[in-house]
Amino acid sequence: MTLAELYQILKQSGLPVTYSHFEEGKAPDLPYICYMELSSDNFKADGVVYKKVIDVDIELYSRKKELSIEWTIESLLEENGIVWDSIEDYIDDEKVFKKTYEVRLL
């Protein structure tokens, strides 16, 4: 799966989605999704990459805990065969919840 394909899947949530971050002053109202490639762990042998493997974080930003939106994102990932783990954090100085889904695109 490519980053472009992941973007199309995330758009199905109905939320604004961007790569990395929105430009300063141009962020939409919460909630929204940002996603970003973190690293690669490609399968390689004989000096050739046989299979690209990309680690990506998908971040849901919201003012309050959004169980229905989390369920929607998790369902979209599962329906598309994307295995995920998650971490949640509260960014105190911004008064924002951040739910991060860690995924691996194969």
N, C-alpha and C. Protein backbone atom coordinates (compact mmCIF):
# COMPACT_ATOMS: atom_id res chain seq x y z
N MET A 1 0.84 -1.18 0.00
CA MET A 1 0.00 0.00 0.00
C MET A 1 0.89 1.24 0.00
N THR A 2 0.44 2.27 -0.68
CA THR A 2 1.18 3.51 -0.78
C THR A 2 0.59 4.57 0.15
N LEU A 3 1.33 5.66 0.35
CA LEU A 3 0.81 6.77 1.13
C LEU A 3 -0.42 7.38 0.47
N ALA A 4 -0.44 7.42 -0.86
CA ALA A 4 -1.59 7.95 -1.58
C ALA A 4 -2.84 7.10 -1.33
N GLU A 5 -2.66 5.79 -1.30
CA GLU A 5 -3.79 4.90 -1.01
C GLU A 5 -4.27 5.08 0.43
N LEU A 6 -3.34 5.23 1.36
CA LEU A 6 -3.71 5.48 2.76
C LEU A 6 -4.49 6.79 2.86
N TYR A 7 -4.06 7.81 2.16
CA TYR A 7 -4.76 9.10 2.17
C TYR A 7 -6.22 8.92 1.73
N GLN A 8 -6.43 8.16 0.67
CA GLN A 8 -7.80 7.92 0.18
C GLN A 8 -8.64 7.19 1.23
N ILE A 9 -8.04 6.26 1.94
CA ILE A 9 -8.75 5.53 2.99
C ILE A 9 -9.12 6.50 4.12
N LEU A 10 -8.17 7.33 4.56
CA LEU A 10 -8.42 8.26 5.65
C LEU A 10 -9.48 9.30 5.27
N LYS A 11 -9.54 9.72 4.02
CA LYS A 11 -10.55 10.69 3.57
C LYS A 11 -11.96 10.13 3.76
N GLN A 12 -12.10 8.81 3.73
CA GLN A 12 -13.41 8.20 3.91
C GLN A 12 -13.97 8.45 5.31
N SER A 13 -13.16 8.91 6.23
CA SER A 13 -13.62 9.23 7.59
C SER A 13 -14.52 10.46 7.60
N GLY A 14 -14.42 11.27 6.53
CA GLY A 14 -15.18 12.51 6.47
C GLY A 14 -14.49 13.68 7.15
N LEU A 15 -13.31 13.44 7.72
CA LEU A 15 -12.56 14.50 8.39
C LEU A 15 -11.52 15.11 7.45
N PRO A 16 -11.11 16.35 7.72
CA PRO A 16 -9.98 16.91 6.97
C PRO A 16 -8.73 16.06 7.23
N VAL A 17 -7.96 15.81 6.18
CA VAL A 17 -6.75 14.97 6.27
C VAL A 17 -5.62 15.69 5.55
N THR A 18 -4.44 15.68 6.17
CA THR A 18 -3.26 16.25 5.51
C THR A 18 -2.02 15.44 5.87
N TYR A 19 -1.01 15.57 5.03
CA TYR A 19 0.28 14.95 5.33
C TYR A 19 1.05 15.89 6.24
N SER A 20 1.56 15.37 7.35
CA SER A 20 2.41 16.06 8.31
C SER A 20 1.66 17.10 9.14
N HIS A 21 1.25 18.21 8.53
CA HIS A 21 0.61 19.28 9.29
C HIS A 21 -0.09 20.24 8.33
N PHE A 22 -1.02 20.99 8.87
CA PHE A 22 -1.64 22.06 8.10
C PHE A 22 -0.76 23.29 8.21
N GLU A 23 -0.79 24.14 7.19
CA GLU A 23 0.00 25.37 7.23
C GLU A 23 -0.47 26.23 8.39
N GLU A 24 0.46 26.97 8.97
CA GLU A 24 0.13 27.82 10.10
C GLU A 24 -1.01 28.77 9.74
N GLY A 25 -2.00 28.80 10.59
CA GLY A 25 -3.16 29.66 10.36
C GLY A 25 -4.19 29.08 9.41
N LYS A 26 -3.93 27.90 8.85
CA LYS A 26 -4.86 27.31 7.87
C LYS A 26 -5.44 25.98 8.34
N ALA A 27 -5.22 25.65 9.60
CA ALA A 27 -5.77 24.39 10.12
C ALA A 27 -7.29 24.52 10.21
N PRO A 28 -8.01 23.48 9.82
CA PRO A 28 -9.47 23.50 9.95
C PRO A 28 -9.86 23.33 11.42
N ASP A 29 -11.13 23.49 11.69
CA ASP A 29 -11.62 23.22 13.04
C ASP A 29 -11.38 21.76 13.38
N LEU A 30 -11.18 21.49 14.66
CA LEU A 30 -11.03 20.12 15.13
C LEU A 30 -12.38 19.41 15.04
N PRO A 31 -12.39 18.11 14.85
CA PRO A 31 -11.27 17.19 14.74
C PRO A 31 -10.72 17.13 13.31
N TYR A 32 -9.46 16.70 13.20
CA TYR A 32 -8.85 16.45 11.91
C TYR A 32 -7.75 15.41 12.06
N ILE A 33 -7.24 14.95 10.90
CA ILE A 33 -6.24 13.88 10.86
C ILE A 33 -4.98 14.37 10.14
N CYS A 34 -3.83 14.07 10.74
CA CYS A 34 -2.53 14.26 10.09
C CYS A 34 -1.84 12.90 10.04
N TYR A 35 -1.15 12.63 8.96
CA TYR A 35 -0.40 11.37 8.87
C TYR A 35 0.99 11.67 8.32
N MET A 36 1.95 10.81 8.68
CA MET A 36 3.32 11.08 8.26
C MET A 36 4.16 9.80 8.27
N GLU A 37 4.97 9.67 7.25
CA GLU A 37 5.91 8.55 7.18
C GLU A 37 7.01 8.77 8.20
N LEU A 38 7.29 7.73 8.99
CA LEU A 38 8.33 7.83 10.00
C LEU A 38 9.64 7.22 9.55
N SER A 39 9.55 6.03 8.97
CA SER A 39 10.75 5.31 8.56
C SER A 39 10.35 4.18 7.62
N SER A 40 11.36 3.51 7.10
CA SER A 40 11.11 2.32 6.29
C SER A 40 11.87 1.15 6.89
N ASP A 41 11.35 -0.02 6.63
CA ASP A 41 11.99 -1.26 7.08
C ASP A 41 11.83 -2.26 5.94
N ASN A 42 12.38 -1.90 4.78
CA ASN A 42 12.19 -2.67 3.57
C ASN A 42 12.77 -4.09 3.67
N PHE A 43 12.11 -5.00 2.94
CA PHE A 43 12.65 -6.35 2.80
C PHE A 43 13.60 -6.32 1.61
N LYS A 44 14.86 -6.67 1.88
CA LYS A 44 15.87 -6.58 0.82
C LYS A 44 16.82 -7.77 0.87
N ALA A 45 17.36 -8.08 -0.28
CA ALA A 45 18.37 -9.14 -0.40
C ALA A 45 19.12 -8.93 -1.70
N ASP A 46 20.37 -9.35 -1.71
CA ASP A 46 21.20 -9.24 -2.91
C ASP A 46 21.24 -7.81 -3.46
N GLY A 47 21.22 -6.84 -2.56
CA GLY A 47 21.32 -5.45 -2.97
C GLY A 47 20.06 -4.91 -3.64
N VAL A 48 18.92 -5.57 -3.45
CA VAL A 48 17.67 -5.15 -4.09
C VAL A 48 16.57 -5.07 -3.03
N VAL A 49 15.72 -4.04 -3.13
CA VAL A 49 14.53 -3.94 -2.28
C VAL A 49 13.44 -4.77 -2.95
N TYR A 50 13.04 -5.85 -2.28
CA TYR A 50 12.00 -6.72 -2.82
C TYR A 50 10.60 -6.25 -2.42
N LYS A 51 10.49 -5.68 -1.23
CA LYS A 51 9.19 -5.22 -0.76
C LYS A 51 9.39 -3.97 0.09
N LYS A 52 8.72 -2.88 -0.30
CA LYS A 52 8.79 -1.65 0.48
C LYS A 52 7.89 -1.80 1.71
N VAL A 53 8.41 -1.39 2.85
CA VAL A 53 7.66 -1.42 4.10
C VAL A 53 7.83 -0.04 4.74
N ILE A 54 6.72 0.66 4.96
CA ILE A 54 6.76 2.02 5.47
C ILE A 54 6.02 2.09 6.80
N ASP A 55 6.67 2.64 7.82
CA ASP A 55 6.03 2.89 9.11
C ASP A 55 5.44 4.30 9.09
N VAL A 56 4.16 4.39 9.45
CA VAL A 56 3.42 5.65 9.37
C VAL A 56 2.67 5.88 10.68
N ASP A 57 2.63 7.13 11.12
CA ASP A 57 1.77 7.53 12.23
C ASP A 57 0.58 8.29 11.66
N ILE A 58 -0.60 7.93 12.13
CA ILE A 58 -1.84 8.63 11.80
C ILE A 58 -2.30 9.28 13.10
N GLU A 59 -2.45 10.60 13.09
CA GLU A 59 -2.79 11.31 14.32
C GLU A 59 -4.17 11.96 14.20
N LEU A 60 -5.05 11.63 15.14
CA LEU A 60 -6.36 12.24 15.24
C LEU A 60 -6.28 13.31 16.33
N TYR A 61 -6.56 14.56 15.96
CA TYR A 61 -6.57 15.66 16.91
C TYR A 61 -8.02 16.07 17.18
N SER A 62 -8.36 16.23 18.48
CA SER A 62 -9.73 16.60 18.84
C SER A 62 -9.74 17.35 20.17
N ARG A 63 -10.80 18.08 20.42
CA ARG A 63 -10.95 18.83 21.68
C ARG A 63 -11.39 17.92 22.82
N LYS A 64 -12.11 16.83 22.48
CA LYS A 64 -12.58 15.90 23.49
C LYS A 64 -12.42 14.49 22.95
N LYS A 65 -12.55 13.52 23.81
CA LYS A 65 -12.46 12.12 23.41
C LYS A 65 -13.57 11.83 22.41
N GLU A 66 -13.20 11.34 21.23
CA GLU A 66 -14.15 11.13 20.13
C GLU A 66 -14.25 9.64 19.81
N LEU A 67 -14.96 8.89 20.64
CA LEU A 67 -15.05 7.44 20.46
C LEU A 67 -15.61 7.04 19.11
N SER A 68 -16.63 7.73 18.63
CA SER A 68 -17.23 7.34 17.34
C SER A 68 -16.27 7.59 16.18
N ILE A 69 -15.50 8.66 16.26
CA ILE A 69 -14.51 8.92 15.20
C ILE A 69 -13.38 7.90 15.28
N GLU A 70 -12.94 7.58 16.49
CA GLU A 70 -11.90 6.56 16.64
C GLU A 70 -12.38 5.23 16.06
N TRP A 71 -13.62 4.87 16.36
CA TRP A 71 -14.19 3.63 15.83
C TRP A 71 -14.21 3.66 14.31
N THR A 72 -14.57 4.80 13.73
CA THR A 72 -14.59 4.93 12.27
C THR A 72 -13.20 4.72 11.68
N ILE A 73 -12.19 5.38 12.25
CA ILE A 73 -10.82 5.24 11.75
C ILE A 73 -10.35 3.80 11.89
N GLU A 74 -10.58 3.21 13.05
CA GLU A 74 -10.15 1.82 13.29
C GLU A 74 -10.84 0.86 12.33
N SER A 75 -12.11 1.08 12.08
CA SER A 75 -12.85 0.23 11.13
C SER A 75 -12.29 0.37 9.72
N LEU A 76 -12.00 1.60 9.30
CA LEU A 76 -11.43 1.82 7.97
C LEU A 76 -10.08 1.11 7.84
N LEU A 77 -9.26 1.21 8.87
CA LEU A 77 -7.96 0.53 8.81
C LEU A 77 -8.15 -0.98 8.71
N GLU A 78 -9.00 -1.52 9.55
CA GLU A 78 -9.22 -2.98 9.56
C GLU A 78 -9.85 -3.47 8.26
N GLU A 79 -10.81 -2.72 7.71
CA GLU A 79 -11.45 -3.10 6.45
C GLU A 79 -10.46 -3.15 5.30
N ASN A 80 -9.39 -2.40 5.42
CA ASN A 80 -8.38 -2.34 4.37
C ASN A 80 -7.13 -3.14 4.71
N GLY A 81 -7.23 -4.01 5.70
CA GLY A 81 -6.14 -4.92 6.04
C GLY A 81 -4.94 -4.25 6.67
N ILE A 82 -5.16 -3.11 7.32
CA ILE A 82 -4.05 -2.39 7.94
C ILE A 82 -4.07 -2.68 9.44
N VAL A 83 -3.01 -3.30 9.92
CA VAL A 83 -2.87 -3.62 11.33
C VAL A 83 -2.37 -2.36 12.04
N TRP A 84 -2.92 -2.09 13.23
CA TRP A 84 -2.56 -0.86 13.93
C TRP A 84 -2.40 -1.08 15.42
N ASP A 85 -1.64 -0.18 16.03
CA ASP A 85 -1.56 0.00 17.47
C ASP A 85 -1.84 1.47 17.72
N SER A 86 -2.22 1.82 18.95
CA SER A 86 -2.51 3.23 19.21
C SER A 86 -1.94 3.69 20.54
N ILE A 87 -1.74 5.00 20.60
CA ILE A 87 -1.28 5.69 21.79
C ILE A 87 -2.12 6.97 21.89
N GLU A 88 -2.51 7.33 23.10
CA GLU A 88 -3.27 8.57 23.27
C GLU A 88 -2.51 9.51 24.19
N ASP A 89 -2.62 10.80 23.89
CA ASP A 89 -1.93 11.81 24.67
C ASP A 89 -2.81 13.05 24.73
N TYR A 90 -2.60 13.85 25.74
CA TYR A 90 -3.27 15.15 25.85
C TYR A 90 -2.20 16.22 25.81
N ILE A 91 -2.36 17.15 24.88
CA ILE A 91 -1.40 18.24 24.73
C ILE A 91 -1.94 19.42 25.53
N ASP A 92 -1.45 19.57 26.74
CA ASP A 92 -2.01 20.51 27.70
C ASP A 92 -1.97 21.95 27.22
N ASP A 93 -0.84 22.40 26.67
CA ASP A 93 -0.74 23.79 26.27
C ASP A 93 -1.64 24.15 25.10
N GLU A 94 -2.11 23.14 24.35
CA GLU A 94 -3.04 23.38 23.24
C GLU A 94 -4.46 22.94 23.57
N LYS A 95 -4.63 22.25 24.71
CA LYS A 95 -5.92 21.72 25.15
C LYS A 95 -6.53 20.83 24.08
N VAL A 96 -5.70 19.88 23.59
CA VAL A 96 -6.08 19.00 22.49
C VAL A 96 -5.70 17.56 22.82
N PHE A 97 -6.60 16.64 22.48
CA PHE A 97 -6.30 15.22 22.55
C PHE A 97 -5.64 14.81 21.24
N LYS A 98 -4.65 13.93 21.36
CA LYS A 98 -4.01 13.37 20.16
C LYS A 98 -4.02 11.85 20.30
N LYS A 99 -4.72 11.20 19.38
CA LYS A 99 -4.74 9.73 19.33
C LYS A 99 -3.88 9.35 18.13
N THR A 100 -2.81 8.61 18.38
CA THR A 100 -1.88 8.22 17.31
C THR A 100 -2.05 6.77 17.00
N TYR A 101 -2.29 6.47 15.72
CA TYR A 101 -2.35 5.09 15.23
C TYR A 101 -1.03 4.79 14.53
N GLU A 102 -0.35 3.78 14.99
CA GLU A 102 0.92 3.37 14.38
C GLU A 102 0.60 2.23 13.42
N VAL A 103 0.93 2.44 12.14
CA VAL A 103 0.63 1.43 11.13
C VAL A 103 1.87 1.13 10.30
N ARG A 104 1.84 0.01 9.64
CA ARG A 104 2.92 -0.40 8.74
C ARG A 104 2.31 -0.69 7.38
N LEU A 105 2.74 0.04 6.36
CA LEU A 105 2.22 -0.16 5.01
C LEU A 105 3.14 -1.12 4.27
N LEU A 106 2.54 -2.16 3.73
CA LEU A 106 3.29 -3.17 2.99
C LEU A 106 3.00 -3.06 1.50
